Amino acid sequence: MVAMFILTALFGSIVQILTIFLLRENIIKSIFWATPLILLHQYLFLFGYSKAPKFIVIWFITAGLTNGLAFVAGYWIWKENVSWINLFGIFCIMTGISLLKVSLP
């Protein structure tokens, strides 16, 4: 059951990052592509929030996954610099997500 919430948050995070990537181009042309994606990722987040046993847990999981995936996308797509502090932050986020997953009933 917990895997469904995590997969919903993961897919919503990927769609959200794709939306941001599309909006970096020409804002007028990309608004037609981005609007359905914005609605999709908001629906996925709201679905996960409404079905989760604890709202605060799924909210932290969603925020952590979105930040972690945004870091990876920034590194691979936009060639941003990576420091040890960045890697330590991602490690802390993923550790926190796994500890939240263990504490769910």
C-alpha atoms as a PDB file:
ATOM      1  CA  MET A   1       0.000   0.000   0.000  1.00  0.00           C
ATOM      2  CA  VAL A   2       2.845   2.396   0.817  1.00  0.00           C
ATOM      3  CA  ALA A   3       4.431   1.640  -2.553  1.00  0.00           C
ATOM      4  CA  MET A   4       1.377   3.109  -4.320  1.00  0.00           C
ATOM      5  CA  PHE A   5       1.869   6.459  -2.558  1.00  0.00           C
ATOM      6  CA  ILE A   6       5.572   6.491  -3.342  1.00  0.00           C
ATOM      7  CA  LEU A   7       4.999   5.587  -6.995  1.00  0.00           C
ATOM      8  CA  THR A   8       2.327   8.280  -7.294  1.00  0.00           C
ATOM      9  CA  ALA A   9       4.714  10.838  -5.772  1.00  0.00           C
ATOM     10  CA  LEU A  10       7.568   9.643  -7.988  1.00  0.00           C
ATOM     11  CA  PHE A  11       5.535   9.872 -11.194  1.00  0.00           C
ATOM     12  CA  GLY A  12       4.114  13.261 -10.162  1.00  0.00           C
ATOM     13  CA  SER A  13       7.632  14.530  -9.458  1.00  0.00           C
ATOM     14  CA  ILE A  14       8.865  13.390 -12.862  1.00  0.00           C
ATOM     15  CA  VAL A  15       5.938  15.102 -14.595  1.00  0.00           C
ATOM     16  CA  GLN A  16       6.577  18.275 -12.578  1.00  0.00           C
ATOM     17  CA  ILE A  17      10.246  18.368 -13.598  1.00  0.00           C
ATOM     18  CA  LEU A  18       9.271  17.739 -17.226  1.00  0.00           C
ATOM     19  CA  THR A  19       6.858  20.671 -17.002  1.00  0.00           C
ATOM     20  CA  ILE A  20       9.608  22.966 -15.726  1.00  0.00           C
ATOM     21  CA  PHE A  21      11.890  21.744 -18.506  1.00  0.00           C
ATOM     22  CA  LEU A  22       9.233  22.586 -21.111  1.00  0.00           C
ATOM     23  CA  LEU A  23       8.634  26.041 -19.647  1.00  0.00           C
ATOM     24  CA  ARG A  24      12.302  26.969 -20.012  1.00  0.00           C
ATOM     25  CA  GLU A  25      11.864  27.236 -23.769  1.00  0.00           C
ATOM     26  CA  ASN A  26       9.487  29.758 -25.301  1.00  0.00           C
ATOM     27  CA  ILE A  27       6.835  30.458 -22.659  1.00  0.00           C
ATOM     28  CA  ILE A  28       4.063  31.280 -25.131  1.00  0.00           C
ATOM     29  CA  LYS A  29       4.503  28.128 -27.234  1.00  0.00           C
ATOM     30  CA  SER A  30       5.113  25.805 -24.312  1.00  0.00           C
ATOM     31  CA  ILE A  31       2.089  26.905 -22.272  1.00  0.00           C
ATOM     32  CA  PHE A  32      -0.087  24.603 -24.373  1.00  0.00           C
ATOM     33  CA  TRP A  33       2.162  21.640 -23.527  1.00  0.00           C
ATOM     34  CA  ALA A  34       2.710  22.590 -19.919  1.00  0.00           C
ATOM     35  CA  THR A  35      -0.906  23.172 -18.872  1.00  0.00           C
ATOM     36  CA  PRO A  36      -2.002  19.515 -19.176  1.00  0.00           C
ATOM     37  CA  LEU A  37       1.197  18.398 -17.449  1.00  0.00           C
ATOM     38  CA  ILE A  38       0.615  20.814 -14.572  1.00  0.00           C
ATOM     39  CA  LEU A  39      -2.910  19.481 -14.163  1.00  0.00           C
ATOM     40  CA  LEU A  40      -1.621  15.899 -14.286  1.00  0.00           C
ATOM     41  CA  HIS A  41       1.059  16.305 -11.629  1.00  0.00           C
ATOM     42  CA  GLN A  42      -1.293  18.255  -9.366  1.00  0.00           C
ATOM     43  CA  TYR A  43      -3.866  15.471  -9.721  1.00  0.00           C
ATOM     44  CA  LEU A  44      -1.240  12.845  -8.882  1.00  0.00           C
ATOM     45  CA  PHE A  45      -0.090  14.758  -5.806  1.00  0.00           C
ATOM     46  CA  LEU A  46      -3.655  15.323  -4.610  1.00  0.00           C
ATOM     47  CA  PHE A  47      -4.525  11.665  -5.210  1.00  0.00           C
ATOM     48  CA  GLY A  48      -1.542  10.571  -3.141  1.00  0.00           C
ATOM     49  CA  TYR A  49      -2.378  13.070  -0.401  1.00  0.00           C
ATOM     50  CA  SER A  50      -6.028  12.023  -0.217  1.00  0.00           C
ATOM     51  CA  LYS A  51      -5.358   8.268  -0.091  1.00  0.00           C
ATOM     52  CA  ALA A  52      -2.384   8.294   2.278  1.00  0.00           C
ATOM     53  CA  PRO A  53      -2.930   7.191   5.865  1.00  0.00           C
ATOM     54  CA  LYS A  54      -0.952  10.203   7.128  1.00  0.00           C
ATOM     55  CA  PHE A  55      -0.868  13.424   5.119  1.00  0.00           C
ATOM     56  CA  ILE A  56       2.394  14.693   6.600  1.00  0.00           C
ATOM     57  CA  VAL A  57       4.267  11.513   5.649  1.00  0.00           C
ATOM     58  CA  ILE A  58       3.253  11.547   1.990  1.00  0.00           C
ATOM     59  CA  TRP A  59       3.918  15.290   1.871  1.00  0.00           C
ATOM     60  CA  PHE A  60       7.513  14.757   3.057  1.00  0.00           C
ATOM     61  CA  ILE A  61       7.983  11.862   0.642  1.00  0.00           C
ATOM     62  CA  THR A  62       6.711  13.966  -2.270  1.00  0.00           C
ATOM     63  CA  ALA A  63       8.888  16.940  -1.347  1.00  0.00           C
ATOM     64  CA  GLY A  64      11.942  14.727  -0.911  1.00  0.00           C
ATOM     65  CA  LEU A  65      11.460  12.892  -4.193  1.00  0.00           C
ATOM     66  CA  THR A  66      10.835  16.102  -6.114  1.00  0.00           C
ATOM     67  CA  ASN A  67      13.994  17.721  -4.727  1.00  0.00           C
ATOM     68  CA  GLY A  68      16.086  14.616  -5.323  1.00  0.00           C
ATOM     69  CA  LEU A  69      14.890  14.204  -8.892  1.00  0.00           C
ATOM     70  CA  ALA A  70      15.355  17.915  -9.593  1.00  0.00           C
ATOM     71  CA  PHE A  71      18.963  17.575  -8.435  1.00  0.00           C
ATOM     72  CA  VAL A  72      19.546  14.617 -10.752  1.00  0.00           C
ATOM     73  CA  ALA A  73      17.861  16.406 -13.662  1.00  0.00           C
ATOM     74  CA  GLY A  74      19.966  19.507 -13.038  1.00  0.00           C
ATOM     75  CA  TYR A  75      23.137  17.442 -13.097  1.00  0.00           C
ATOM     76  CA  TRP A  76      22.342  15.367 -16.194  1.00  0.00           C
ATOM     77  CA  ILE A  77      20.351  17.829 -18.311  1.00  0.00           C
ATOM     78  CA  TRP A  78      21.770  21.248 -17.416  1.00  0.00           C
ATOM     79  CA  LYS A  79      25.292  20.129 -16.351  1.00  0.00           C
ATOM     80  CA  GLU A  80      25.173  21.851 -12.967  1.00  0.00           C
ATOM     81  CA  ASN A  81      28.068  21.504 -10.560  1.00  0.00           C
ATOM     82  CA  VAL A  82      27.879  18.897  -7.807  1.00  0.00           C
ATOM     83  CA  SER A  83      29.515  19.323  -4.428  1.00  0.00           C
ATOM     84  CA  TRP A  84      29.808  16.988  -1.462  1.00  0.00           C
ATOM     85  CA  ILE A  85      27.239  19.079   0.367  1.00  0.00           C
ATOM     86  CA  ASN A  86      24.732  18.432  -2.432  1.00  0.00           C
ATOM     87  CA  LEU A  87      25.372  14.689  -2.283  1.00  0.00           C
ATOM     88  CA  PHE A  88      25.102  14.693   1.498  1.00  0.00           C
ATOM     89  CA  GLY A  89      21.773  16.543   1.254  1.00  0.00           C
ATOM     90  CA  ILE A  90      20.379  13.996  -1.219  1.00  0.00           C
ATOM     91  CA  PHE A  91      21.598  11.182   1.040  1.00  0.00           C
ATOM     92  CA  CYS A  92      19.804  12.781   4.016  1.00  0.00           C
ATOM     93  CA  ILE A  93      16.595  13.169   2.001  1.00  0.00           C
ATOM     94  CA  MET A  94      16.614   9.544   0.850  1.00  0.00           C
ATOM     95  CA  THR A  95      17.443   8.333   4.362  1.00  0.00           C
ATOM     96  CA  GLY A  96      14.552  10.368   5.750  1.00  0.00           C
ATOM     97  CA  ILE A  97      12.175   8.945   3.150  1.00  0.00           C
ATOM     98  CA  SER A  98      13.206   5.394   3.996  1.00  0.00           C
ATOM     99  CA  LEU A  99      12.765   6.054   7.727  1.00  0.00           C
ATOM    100  CA  LEU A 100       9.294   7.514   7.106  1.00  0.00           C
ATOM    101  CA  LYS A 101       8.418   4.453   5.070  1.00  0.00           C
ATOM    102  CA  VAL A 102       9.452   2.157   7.917  1.00  0.00           C
ATOM    103  CA  SER A 103       7.387   4.084  10.478  1.00  0.00           C
ATOM    104  CA  LEU A 104       4.122   3.836   8.525  1.00  0.00           C
ATOM    105  CA  PRO A 105       1.568   1.364   9.921  1.00  0.00           C
END
